[in-house]
PDB file of N, CA and C in Angstrom:
ATOM      1  N   UNK A   1     -31.335  21.563 -13.082  1.00  0.00           N
ATOM      2  CA  UNK A   1     -32.413  21.659 -12.105  1.00  0.00           C
ATOM      3  C   UNK A   1     -31.906  22.171 -10.757  1.00  0.00           C
ATOM      4  N   UNK A   2     -30.606  22.335 -10.635  1.00  0.00           N
ATOM      5  CA  UNK A   2     -30.056  22.871  -9.386  1.00  0.00           C
ATOM      6  C   UNK A   2     -29.774  24.367  -9.476  1.00  0.00           C
ATOM      7  N   UNK A   3     -30.190  24.976 -10.603  1.00  0.00           N
ATOM      8  CA  UNK A   3     -30.016  26.417 -10.763  1.00  0.00           C
ATOM      9  C   UNK A   3     -31.175  27.158 -10.103  1.00  0.00           C
ATOM     10  N   UNK A   4     -30.865  28.315  -9.533  1.00  0.00           N
ATOM     11  CA  UNK A   4     -31.881  29.113  -8.849  1.00  0.00           C
ATOM     12  C   UNK A   4     -32.946  29.595  -9.828  1.00  0.00           C
ATOM     13  N   UNK A   5     -34.205  29.581  -9.390  1.00  0.00           N
ATOM     14  CA  UNK A   5     -35.299  30.154 -10.177  1.00  0.00           C
ATOM     15  C   UNK A   5     -35.201  31.665 -10.021  1.00  0.00           C
ATOM     16  N   UNK A   6     -34.834  32.328 -11.100  1.00  0.00           N
ATOM     17  CA  UNK A   6     -34.470  33.743 -11.052  1.00  0.00           C
ATOM     18  C   UNK A   6     -35.616  34.634 -10.602  1.00  0.00           C
ATOM     19  N   UNK A   7     -36.813  34.405 -11.119  1.00  0.00           N
ATOM     20  CA  UNK A   7     -37.908  35.315 -10.788  1.00  0.00           C
ATOM     21  C   UNK A   7     -38.302  35.258  -9.324  1.00  0.00           C
ATOM     22  N   UNK A   8     -37.911  34.199  -8.590  1.00  0.00           N
ATOM     23  CA  UNK A   8     -38.179  34.137  -7.151  1.00  0.00           C
ATOM     24  C   UNK A   8     -37.082  34.805  -6.324  1.00  0.00           C
ATOM     25  N   UNK A   9     -35.933  35.077  -6.957  1.00  0.00           N
ATOM     26  CA  UNK A   9     -34.833  35.691  -6.208  1.00  0.00           C
ATOM     27  C   UNK A   9     -35.157  37.125  -5.796  1.00  0.00           C
ATOM     28  N   UNK A  10     -36.075  37.771  -6.488  1.00  0.00           N
ATOM     29  CA  UNK A  10     -36.490  39.122  -6.132  1.00  0.00           C
ATOM     30  C   UNK A  10     -37.195  39.184  -4.789  1.00  0.00           C
ATOM     31  N   UNK A  11     -37.707  38.068  -4.335  1.00  0.00           N
ATOM     32  CA  UNK A  11     -38.378  37.997  -3.037  1.00  0.00           C
ATOM     33  C   UNK A  11     -37.406  37.620  -1.920  1.00  0.00           C
ATOM     34  N   UNK A  12     -36.131  37.470  -2.253  1.00  0.00           N
ATOM     35  CA  UNK A  12     -35.139  37.087  -1.259  1.00  0.00           C
ATOM     36  C   UNK A  12     -35.146  35.605  -0.939  1.00  0.00           C
ATOM     37  N   UNK A  13     -35.695  34.802  -1.842  1.00  0.00           N
ATOM     38  CA  UNK A  13     -35.805  33.364  -1.635  1.00  0.00           C
ATOM     39  C   UNK A  13     -34.925  32.648  -2.651  1.00  0.00           C
ATOM     40  N   UNK A  14     -34.130  31.707  -2.183  1.00  0.00           N
ATOM     41  CA  UNK A  14     -33.284  30.899  -3.073  1.00  0.00           C
ATOM     42  C   UNK A  14     -33.958  29.542  -3.270  1.00  0.00           C
ATOM     43  N   UNK A  15     -34.632  29.401  -4.422  1.00  0.00           N
ATOM     44  CA  UNK A  15     -35.349  28.167  -4.707  1.00  0.00           C
ATOM     45  C   UNK A  15     -34.918  27.647  -6.069  1.00  0.00           C
ATOM     46  N   UNK A  16     -34.597  26.357  -6.097  1.00  0.00           N
ATOM     47  CA  UNK A  16     -34.272  25.658  -7.330  1.00  0.00           C
ATOM     48  C   UNK A  16     -35.469  24.794  -7.719  1.00  0.00           C
ATOM     49  N   UNK A  17     -35.535  24.325  -8.955  1.00  0.00           N
ATOM     50  CA  UNK A  17     -36.627  23.424  -9.315  1.00  0.00           C
ATOM     51  C   UNK A  17     -36.685  22.183  -8.413  1.00  0.00           C
ATOM     52  N   UNK A  18     -35.526  21.622  -8.042  1.00  0.00           N
ATOM     53  CA  UNK A  18     -35.536  20.456  -7.150  1.00  0.00           C
ATOM     54  C   UNK A  18     -36.080  20.812  -5.769  1.00  0.00           C
ATOM     55  N   UNK A  19     -35.721  21.997  -5.291  1.00  0.00           N
ATOM     56  CA  UNK A  19     -36.237  22.413  -3.986  1.00  0.00           C
ATOM     57  C   UNK A  19     -37.742  22.619  -4.052  1.00  0.00           C
ATOM     58  N   UNK A  20     -38.234  23.131  -5.164  1.00  0.00           N
ATOM     59  CA  UNK A  20     -39.668  23.317  -5.348  1.00  0.00           C
ATOM     60  C   UNK A  20     -40.381  21.959  -5.349  1.00  0.00           C
ATOM     61  N   UNK A  21     -39.784  20.962  -5.988  1.00  0.00           N
ATOM     62  CA  UNK A  21     -40.335  19.607  -5.970  1.00  0.00           C
ATOM     63  C   UNK A  21     -40.337  19.065  -4.540  1.00  0.00           C
ATOM     64  N   UNK A  22     -39.231  19.235  -3.830  1.00  0.00           N
ATOM     65  CA  UNK A  22     -39.141  18.765  -2.451  1.00  0.00           C
ATOM     66  C   UNK A  22     -40.137  19.445  -1.528  1.00  0.00           C
ATOM     67  N   UNK A  23     -40.288  20.750  -1.652  1.00  0.00           N
ATOM     68  CA  UNK A  23     -41.247  21.480  -0.819  1.00  0.00           C
ATOM     69  C   UNK A  23     -42.688  21.078  -1.131  1.00  0.00           C
ATOM     70  N   UNK A  24     -42.986  20.910  -2.411  1.00  0.00           N
ATOM     71  CA  UNK A  24     -44.325  20.470  -2.797  1.00  0.00           C
ATOM     72  C   UNK A  24     -44.606  19.079  -2.240  1.00  0.00           C
ATOM     73  N   UNK A  25     -43.617  18.199  -2.313  1.00  0.00           N
ATOM     74  CA  UNK A  25     -43.768  16.859  -1.748  1.00  0.00           C
ATOM     75  C   UNK A  25     -43.987  16.894  -0.248  1.00  0.00           C
ATOM     76  N   UNK A  26     -43.244  17.754   0.438  1.00  0.00           N
ATOM     77  CA  UNK A  26     -43.401  17.870   1.892  1.00  0.00           C
ATOM     78  C   UNK A  26     -44.786  18.404   2.250  1.00  0.00           C
ATOM     79  N   UNK A  27     -45.282  19.368   1.480  1.00  0.00           N
ATOM     80  CA  UNK A  27     -46.632  19.891   1.709  1.00  0.00           C
ATOM     81  C   UNK A  27     -47.688  18.821   1.421  1.00  0.00           C
ATOM     82  N   UNK A  28     -47.465  18.043   0.371  1.00  0.00           N
ATOM     83  CA  UNK A  28     -48.390  16.955   0.031  1.00  0.00           C
ATOM     84  C   UNK A  28     -48.396  15.907   1.140  1.00  0.00           C
ATOM     85  N   UNK A  29     -47.211  15.528   1.603  1.00  0.00           N
ATOM     86  CA  UNK A  29     -47.099  14.512   2.641  1.00  0.00           C
ATOM     87  C   UNK A  29     -47.720  14.992   3.953  1.00  0.00           C
ATOM     88  N   UNK A  30     -47.497  16.243   4.299  1.00  0.00           N
ATOM     89  CA  UNK A  30     -48.086  16.800   5.520  1.00  0.00           C
ATOM     90  C   UNK A  30     -49.574  17.061   5.385  1.00  0.00           C
ATOM     91  N   UNK A  31     -50.014  17.451   4.180  1.00  0.00           N
ATOM     92  CA  UNK A  31     -51.420  17.772   3.944  1.00  0.00           C
ATOM     93  C   UNK A  31     -52.346  16.572   4.028  1.00  0.00           C
ATOM     94  N   UNK A  32     -51.776  15.385   3.943  1.00  0.00           N
ATOM     95  CA  UNK A  32     -52.616  14.185   4.021  1.00  0.00           C
ATOM     96  C   UNK A  32     -53.310  14.094   5.376  1.00  0.00           C
ATOM     97  N   UNK A  33     -52.693  14.667   6.407  1.00  0.00           N
ATOM     98  CA  UNK A  33     -53.323  14.635   7.731  1.00  0.00           C
ATOM     99  C   UNK A  33     -54.553  15.521   7.771  1.00  0.00           C
ATOM    100  N   UNK A  34     -54.562  16.591   7.004  1.00  0.00           N
ATOM    101  CA  UNK A  34     -55.753  17.436   6.902  1.00  0.00           C
ATOM    102  C   UNK A  34     -56.889  16.659   6.235  1.00  0.00           C
ATOM    103  N   UNK A  35     -56.571  15.916   5.187  1.00  0.00           N
ATOM    104  CA  UNK A  35     -57.565  15.080   4.509  1.00  0.00           C
ATOM    105  C   UNK A  35     -58.131  14.039   5.477  1.00  0.00           C
ATOM    106  N   UNK A  36     -57.253  13.415   6.246  1.00  0.00           N
ATOM    107  CA  UNK A  36     -57.678  12.399   7.210  1.00  0.00           C
ATOM    108  C   UNK A  36     -58.550  13.030   8.296  1.00  0.00           C
ATOM    109  N   UNK A  37     -58.192  14.204   8.760  1.00  0.00           N
ATOM    110  CA  UNK A  37     -58.967  14.910   9.783  1.00  0.00           C
ATOM    111  C   UNK A  37     -60.366  15.237   9.273  1.00  0.00           C
ATOM    112  N   UNK A  38     -60.448  15.758   8.055  1.00  0.00           N
ATOM    113  CA  UNK A  38     -61.743  16.127   7.484  1.00  0.00           C
ATOM    114  C   UNK A  38     -62.630  14.897   7.319  1.00  0.00           C
ATOM    115  N   UNK A  39     -62.054  13.799   6.821  1.00  0.00           N
ATOM    116  CA  UNK A  39     -62.842  12.568   6.635  1.00  0.00           C
ATOM    117  C   UNK A  39     -63.316  12.023   7.985  1.00  0.00           C
ATOM    118  N   UNK A  40     -62.450  12.023   8.986  1.00  0.00           N
ATOM    119  CA  UNK A  40     -62.836  11.519  10.307  1.00  0.00           C
ATOM    120  C   UNK A  40     -63.910  12.392  10.938  1.00  0.00           C
ATOM    121  N   UNK A  41     -63.781  13.689  10.771  1.00  0.00           N
ATOM    122  CA  UNK A  41     -64.789  14.607  11.310  1.00  0.00           C
ATOM    123  C   UNK A  41     -66.135  14.381  10.631  1.00  0.00           C
ATOM    124  N   UNK A  42     -66.108  14.162   9.337  1.00  0.00           N
ATOM    125  CA  UNK A  42     -67.334  13.933   8.572  1.00  0.00           C
ATOM    126  C   UNK A  42     -68.049  12.661   9.022  1.00  0.00           C
ATOM    127  N   UNK A  43     -67.295  11.587   9.274  1.00  0.00           N
ATOM    128  CA  UNK A  43     -67.899  10.307   9.633  1.00  0.00           C
ATOM    129  C   UNK A  43     -68.017  10.099  11.145  1.00  0.00           C
ATOM    130  N   UNK A  44     -67.408  10.967  11.921  1.00  0.00           N
ATOM    131  CA  UNK A  44     -67.518  10.866  13.374  1.00  0.00           C
ATOM    132  C   UNK A  44     -66.737   9.709  13.975  1.00  0.00           C
ATOM    133  N   UNK A  45     -65.782   9.205  13.245  1.00  0.00           N
ATOM    134  CA  UNK A  45     -64.918   8.116  13.719  1.00  0.00           C
ATOM    135  C   UNK A  45     -63.618   8.164  12.928  1.00  0.00           C
ATOM    136  N   UNK A  46     -62.565   7.510  13.407  1.00  0.00           N
ATOM    137  CA  UNK A  46     -61.298   7.519  12.670  1.00  0.00           C
ATOM    138  C   UNK A  46     -61.443   6.870  11.293  1.00  0.00           C
ATOM    139  N   UNK A  47     -61.090   7.613  10.263  1.00  0.00           N
ATOM    140  CA  UNK A  47     -61.204   7.144   8.882  1.00  0.00           C
ATOM    141  C   UNK A  47     -59.915   7.502   8.150  1.00  0.00           C
ATOM    142  N   UNK A  48     -59.437   6.580   7.338  1.00  0.00           N
ATOM    143  CA  UNK A  48     -58.295   6.876   6.472  1.00  0.00           C
ATOM    144  C   UNK A  48     -58.789   6.754   5.032  1.00  0.00           C
ATOM    145  N   UNK A  49     -59.088   7.892   4.396  1.00  0.00           N
ATOM    146  CA  UNK A  49     -59.579   7.844   3.018  1.00  0.00           C
ATOM    147  C   UNK A  49     -58.466   7.452   2.052  1.00  0.00           C
ATOM    148  N   UNK A  50     -58.847   6.981   0.889  1.00  0.00           N
ATOM    149  CA  UNK A  50     -57.861   6.552  -0.106  1.00  0.00           C
ATOM    150  C   UNK A  50     -56.956   7.712  -0.526  1.00  0.00           C
ATOM    151  N   UNK A  51     -57.484   8.925  -0.519  1.00  0.00           N
ATOM    152  CA  UNK A  51     -56.656  10.094  -0.873  1.00  0.00           C
ATOM    153  C   UNK A  51     -55.451  10.219   0.062  1.00  0.00           C
ATOM    154  N   UNK A  52     -55.601   9.773   1.303  1.00  0.00           N
ATOM    155  CA  UNK A  52     -54.493   9.783   2.261  1.00  0.00           C
ATOM    156  C   UNK A  52     -53.323   8.970   1.720  1.00  0.00           C
ATOM    157  N   UNK A  53     -53.617   7.791   1.170  1.00  0.00           N
ATOM    158  CA  UNK A  53     -52.551   6.925   0.655  1.00  0.00           C
ATOM    159  C   UNK A  53     -51.939   7.498  -0.610  1.00  0.00           C
ATOM    160  N   UNK A  54     -52.778   8.060  -1.491  1.00  0.00           N
ATOM    161  CA  UNK A  54     -52.243   8.679  -2.704  1.00  0.00           C
ATOM    162  C   UNK A  54     -51.327   9.854  -2.362  1.00  0.00           C
ATOM    163  N   UNK A  55     -51.764  10.679  -1.423  1.00  0.00           N
ATOM    164  CA  UNK A  55     -50.935  11.823  -1.025  1.00  0.00           C
ATOM    165  C   UNK A  55     -49.652  11.355  -0.346  1.00  0.00           C
ATOM    166  N   UNK A  56     -49.723  10.274   0.408  1.00  0.00           N
ATOM    167  CA  UNK A  56     -48.524   9.723   1.046  1.00  0.00           C
ATOM    168  C   UNK A  56     -47.519   9.265   0.004  1.00  0.00           C
ATOM    169  N   UNK A  57     -47.996   8.549  -1.007  1.00  0.00           N
ATOM    170  CA  UNK A  57     -47.105   8.033  -2.043  1.00  0.00           C
ATOM    171  C   UNK A  57     -46.487   9.173  -2.843  1.00  0.00           C
ATOM    172  N   UNK A  58     -47.322  10.077  -3.327  1.00  0.00           N
ATOM    173  CA  UNK A  58     -46.829  11.186  -4.149  1.00  0.00           C
ATOM    174  C   UNK A  58     -45.879  12.080  -3.343  1.00  0.00           C
ATOM    175  N   UNK A  59     -46.272  12.422  -2.124  1.00  0.00           N
ATOM    176  CA  UNK A  59     -45.414  13.264  -1.286  1.00  0.00           C
ATOM    177  C   UNK A  59     -44.087  12.607  -0.977  1.00  0.00           C
ATOM    178  N   UNK A  60     -44.116  11.321  -0.645  1.00  0.00           N
ATOM    179  CA  UNK A  60     -42.874  10.597  -0.351  1.00  0.00           C
ATOM    180  C   UNK A  60     -41.972  10.521  -1.575  1.00  0.00           C
ATOM    181  N   UNK A  61     -42.556  10.211  -2.731  1.00  0.00           N
ATOM    182  CA  UNK A  61     -41.742  10.086  -3.943  1.00  0.00           C
ATOM    183  C   UNK A  61     -41.163  11.433  -4.383  1.00  0.00           C
ATOM    184  N   UNK A  62     -41.932  12.497  -4.194  1.00  0.00           N
ATOM    185  CA  UNK A  62     -41.415  13.824  -4.558  1.00  0.00           C
ATOM    186  C   UNK A  62     -40.261  14.231  -3.652  1.00  0.00           C
ATOM    187  N   UNK A  63     -40.406  14.039  -2.345  1.00  0.00           N
ATOM    188  CA  UNK A  63     -39.309  14.399  -1.445  1.00  0.00           C
ATOM    189  C   UNK A  63     -38.138  13.421  -1.600  1.00  0.00           C
ATOM    190  N   UNK A  64     -38.437  12.168  -1.892  1.00  0.00           N
ATOM    191  CA  UNK A  64     -37.372  11.199  -2.153  1.00  0.00           C
ATOM    192  C   UNK A  64     -36.566  11.611  -3.381  1.00  0.00           C
ATOM    193  N   UNK A  65     -37.240  12.041  -4.442  1.00  0.00           N
ATOM    194  CA  UNK A  65     -36.530  12.480  -5.643  1.00  0.00           C
ATOM    195  C   UNK A  65     -35.678  13.713  -5.353  1.00  0.00           C
ATOM    196  N   UNK A  66     -36.168  14.592  -4.497  1.00  0.00           N
ATOM    197  CA  UNK A  66     -35.369  15.759  -4.109  1.00  0.00           C
ATOM    198  C   UNK A  66     -34.056  15.326  -3.445  1.00  0.00           C
ATOM    199  N   UNK A  67     -34.156  14.388  -2.501  1.00  0.00           N
ATOM    200  CA  UNK A  67     -32.954  13.961  -1.795  1.00  0.00           C
ATOM    201  C   UNK A  67     -32.049  13.080  -2.654  1.00  0.00           C
ATOM    202  N   UNK A  68     -32.588  12.437  -3.665  1.00  0.00           N
ATOM    203  CA  UNK A  68     -31.766  11.596  -4.537  1.00  0.00           C
ATOM    204  C   UNK A  68     -31.084  12.383  -5.647  1.00  0.00           C
ATOM    205  N   UNK A  69     -31.815  13.287  -6.295  1.00  0.00           N
ATOM    206  CA  UNK A  69     -31.331  13.885  -7.533  1.00  0.00           C
ATOM    207  C   UNK A  69     -30.875  15.332  -7.425  1.00  0.00           C
ATOM    208  N   UNK A  70     -31.211  16.029  -6.361  1.00  0.00           N
ATOM    209  CA  UNK A  70     -30.764  17.415  -6.232  1.00  0.00           C
ATOM    210  C   UNK A  70     -29.325  17.427  -5.742  1.00  0.00           C
ATOM    211  N   UNK A  71     -28.799  18.596  -5.586  1.00  0.00           N
ATOM    212  CA  UNK A  71     -27.435  18.711  -5.064  1.00  0.00           C
ATOM    213  C   UNK A  71     -27.374  18.319  -3.600  1.00  0.00           C
ATOM    214  N   UNK A  72     -28.522  18.138  -2.968  1.00  0.00           N
ATOM    215  CA  UNK A  72     -28.574  17.782  -1.548  1.00  0.00           C
ATOM    216  C   UNK A  72     -27.953  16.406  -1.298  1.00  0.00           C
ATOM    217  N   UNK A  73     -28.353  15.396  -2.079  1.00  0.00           N
ATOM    218  CA  UNK A  73     -27.791  14.045  -1.978  1.00  0.00           C
ATOM    219  C   UNK A  73     -27.659  13.586  -0.529  1.00  0.00           C
ATOM    220  N   UNK A  74     -28.768  13.627   0.203  1.00  0.00           N
ATOM    221  CA  UNK A  74     -28.745  13.341   1.633  1.00  0.00           C
ATOM    222  C   UNK A  74     -29.297  11.947   1.922  1.00  0.00           C
ATOM    223  N   UNK A  75     -28.476  11.064   2.482  1.00  0.00           N
ATOM    224  CA  UNK A  75     -28.885   9.686   2.785  1.00  0.00           C
ATOM    225  C   UNK A  75     -29.973   9.648   3.852  1.00  0.00           C
ATOM    226  N   UNK A  76     -29.948  10.568   4.802  1.00  0.00           N
ATOM    227  CA  UNK A  76     -30.975  10.603   5.842  1.00  0.00           C
ATOM    228  C   UNK A  76     -32.337  10.901   5.205  1.00  0.00           C
ATOM    229  N   UNK A  77     -32.391  11.858   4.310  1.00  0.00           N
ATOM    230  CA  UNK A  77     -33.636  12.191   3.626  1.00  0.00           C
ATOM    231  C   UNK A  77     -34.134  11.046   2.749  1.00  0.00           C
ATOM    232  N   UNK A  78     -33.203  10.328   2.126  1.00  0.00           N
ATOM    233  CA  UNK A  78     -33.587   9.180   1.300  1.00  0.00           C
ATOM    234  C   UNK A  78     -34.259   8.125   2.167  1.00  0.00           C
ATOM    235  N   UNK A  79     -33.621   7.753   3.261  1.00  0.00           N
ATOM    236  CA  UNK A  79     -34.189   6.737   4.143  1.00  0.00           C
ATOM    237  C   UNK A  79     -35.498   7.207   4.775  1.00  0.00           C
ATOM    238  N   UNK A  80     -35.559   8.471   5.103  1.00  0.00           N
ATOM    239  CA  UNK A  80     -36.743   9.034   5.740  1.00  0.00           C
ATOM    240  C   UNK A  80     -37.962   8.975   4.824  1.00  0.00           C
ATOM    241  N   UNK A  81     -37.751   8.994   3.515  1.00  0.00           N
ATOM    242  CA  UNK A  81     -38.868   9.010   2.577  1.00  0.00           C
ATOM    243  C   UNK A  81     -39.064   7.701   1.827  1.00  0.00           C
ATOM    244  N   UNK A  82     -38.082   6.835   1.840  1.00  0.00           N
ATOM    245  CA  UNK A  82     -38.199   5.554   1.155  1.00  0.00           C
ATOM    246  C   UNK A  82     -39.175   4.628   1.874  1.00  0.00           C
ATOM    247  N   UNK A  83     -39.062   4.531   3.178  1.00  0.00           N
ATOM    248  CA  UNK A  83     -39.931   3.641   3.949  1.00  0.00           C
ATOM    249  C   UNK A  83     -41.404   4.061   3.882  1.00  0.00           C
ATOM    250  N   UNK A  84     -41.739   5.341   4.079  1.00  0.00           N
ATOM    251  CA  UNK A  84     -43.157   5.723   3.958  1.00  0.00           C
ATOM    252  C   UNK A  84     -43.719   5.474   2.556  1.00  0.00           C
ATOM    253  N   UNK A  85     -42.915   5.646   1.517  1.00  0.00           N
ATOM    254  CA  UNK A  85     -43.399   5.384   0.158  1.00  0.00           C
ATOM    255  C   UNK A  85     -43.759   3.910   0.003  1.00  0.00           C
ATOM    256  N   UNK A  86     -42.929   3.033   0.539  1.00  0.00           N
ATOM    257  CA  UNK A  86     -43.195   1.592   0.468  1.00  0.00           C
ATOM    258  C   UNK A  86     -44.442   1.225   1.265  1.00  0.00           C
ATOM    259  N   UNK A  87     -44.536   1.686   2.505  1.00  0.00           N
ATOM    260  CA  UNK A  87     -45.672   1.305   3.347  1.00  0.00           C
ATOM    261  C   UNK A  87     -46.985   1.891   2.822  1.00  0.00           C
ATOM    262  N   UNK A  88     -46.959   3.105   2.300  1.00  0.00           N
ATOM    263  CA  UNK A  88     -48.183   3.702   1.749  1.00  0.00           C
ATOM    264  C   UNK A  88     -48.628   2.955   0.495  1.00  0.00           C
ATOM    265  N   UNK A  89     -47.681   2.543  -0.333  1.00  0.00           N
ATOM    266  CA  UNK A  89     -48.014   1.776  -1.528  1.00  0.00           C
ATOM    267  C   UNK A  89     -48.636   0.439  -1.142  1.00  0.00           C
ATOM    268  N   UNK A  90     -48.064  -0.218  -0.157  1.00  0.00           N
ATOM    269  CA  UNK A  90     -48.611  -1.489   0.304  1.00  0.00           C
ATOM    270  C   UNK A  90     -50.001  -1.303   0.927  1.00  0.00           C
ATOM    271  N   UNK A  91     -50.187  -0.258   1.699  1.00  0.00           N
ATOM    272  CA  UNK A  91     -51.493   0.018   2.302  1.00  0.00           C
ATOM    273  C   UNK A  91     -52.534   0.316   1.235  1.00  0.00           C
ATOM    274  N   UNK A  92     -52.157   1.053   0.204  1.00  0.00           N
ATOM    275  CA  UNK A  92     -53.074   1.325  -0.901  1.00  0.00           C
ATOM    276  C   UNK A  92     -53.435   0.024  -1.620  1.00  0.00           C
ATOM    277  N   UNK A  93     -52.452  -0.826  -1.841  1.00  0.00           N
ATOM    278  CA  UNK A  93     -52.694  -2.132  -2.445  1.00  0.00           C
ATOM    279  C   UNK A  93     -53.723  -2.928  -1.627  1.00  0.00           C
ATOM    280  N   UNK A  94     -53.530  -2.970  -0.307  1.00  0.00           N
ATOM    281  CA  UNK A  94     -54.464  -3.699   0.556  1.00  0.00           C
ATOM    282  C   UNK A  94     -55.863  -3.092   0.518  1.00  0.00           C
ATOM    283  N   UNK A  95     -55.939  -1.767   0.504  1.00  0.00           N
ATOM    284  CA  UNK A  95     -57.228  -1.080   0.450  1.00  0.00           C
ATOM    285  C   UNK A  95     -57.974  -1.436  -0.829  1.00  0.00           C
ATOM    286  N   UNK A  96     -57.269  -1.415  -1.956  1.00  0.00           N
ATOM    287  CA  UNK A  96     -57.895  -1.747  -3.238  1.00  0.00           C
ATOM    288  C   UNK A  96     -58.256  -3.231  -3.272  1.00  0.00           C
ATOM    289  N   UNK A  97     -57.385  -4.072  -2.741  1.00  0.00           N
ATOM    290  CA  UNK A  97     -57.635  -5.515  -2.741  1.00  0.00           C
ATOM    291  C   UNK A  97     -58.882  -5.864  -1.933  1.00  0.00           C
ATOM    292  N   UNK A  98     -59.045  -5.243  -0.777  1.00  0.00           N
ATOM    293  CA  UNK A  98     -60.148  -5.602   0.111  1.00  0.00           C
ATOM    294  C   UNK A  98     -61.440  -4.836  -0.155  1.00  0.00           C
ATOM    295  N   UNK A  99     -61.338  -3.643  -0.683  1.00  0.00           N
ATOM    296  CA  UNK A  99     -62.537  -2.825  -0.890  1.00  0.00           C
ATOM    297  C   UNK A  99     -62.845  -2.560  -2.355  1.00  0.00           C
ATOM    298  N   UNK A 100     -61.922  -2.907  -3.242  1.00  0.00           N
ATOM    299  CA  UNK A 100     -62.130  -2.688  -4.669  1.00  0.00           C
ATOM    300  C   UNK A 100     -61.808  -1.260  -5.076  1.00  0.00           C
ATOM    301  N   UNK A 101     -61.819  -1.033  -6.383  1.00  0.00           N
ATOM    302  CA  UNK A 101     -61.509   0.293  -6.911  1.00  0.00           C
ATOM    303  C   UNK A 101     -62.588   1.307  -6.575  1.00  0.00           C
ATOM    304  N   UNK A 102     -63.841   0.881  -6.619  1.00  0.00           N
ATOM    305  CA  UNK A 102     -64.960   1.801  -6.412  1.00  0.00           C
ATOM    306  C   UNK A 102     -65.669   1.466  -5.107  1.00  0.00           C
ATOM    307  N   UNK A 103     -64.963   1.625  -4.018  1.00  0.00           N
ATOM    308  CA  UNK A 103     -65.551   1.275  -2.731  1.00  0.00           C
ATOM    309  C   UNK A 103     -66.656   2.244  -2.346  1.00  0.00           C
ATOM    310  N   UNK A 104     -67.616   1.722  -1.610  1.00  0.00           N
ATOM    311  CA  UNK A 104     -68.737   2.529  -1.138  1.00  0.00           C
ATOM    312  C   UNK A 104     -68.246   3.445  -0.027  1.00  0.00           C
ATOM    313  N   UNK A 105     -68.677   4.680  -0.017  1.00  0.00           N
ATOM    314  CA  UNK A 105     -68.239   5.635   1.003  1.00  0.00           C
ATOM    315  C   UNK A 105     -68.672   5.218   2.386  1.00  0.00           C
ATOM    316  N   UNK A 106     -69.753   4.466   2.490  1.00  0.00           N
ATOM    317  CA  UNK A 106     -70.268   4.054   3.801  1.00  0.00           C
ATOM    318  C   UNK A 106     -69.463   2.910   4.403  1.00  0.00           C
ATOM    319  N   UNK A 107     -68.546   2.330   3.630  1.00  0.00           N
ATOM    320  CA  UNK A 107     -67.775   1.185   4.109  1.00  0.00           C
ATOM    321  C   UNK A 107     -66.578   1.571   4.974  1.00  0.00           C
ATOM    322  N   UNK A 108     -66.423   2.830   5.280  1.00  0.00           N
ATOM    323  CA  UNK A 108     -65.295   3.253   6.107  1.00  0.00           C
ATOM    324  C   UNK A 108     -65.453   2.584   7.422  1.00  0.00           C
TER     325      UNK A 108
END
């Protein structure tokens, strides 16, 4: 998984499967703010939709796996993504516990 993806080398980009996982995770983790912005704009008040927590968990775990299993092996990246994965998982747990699996959209 640390070998370069050959068909992307023609574009002058050096990307490995692990780097692709890490970049996708970073985009997922950053994109959650767009989801939060859209939901808040729709409701006219600060809202954190459940998709925000799912994207936080998936993005954190993807970038965490990049820093753990790729040739990068970076402790700073591991710590940087381990804590958000834990807190997002706990926040999702609390959201489900207090609002249930099928919460009403008006309950934001």
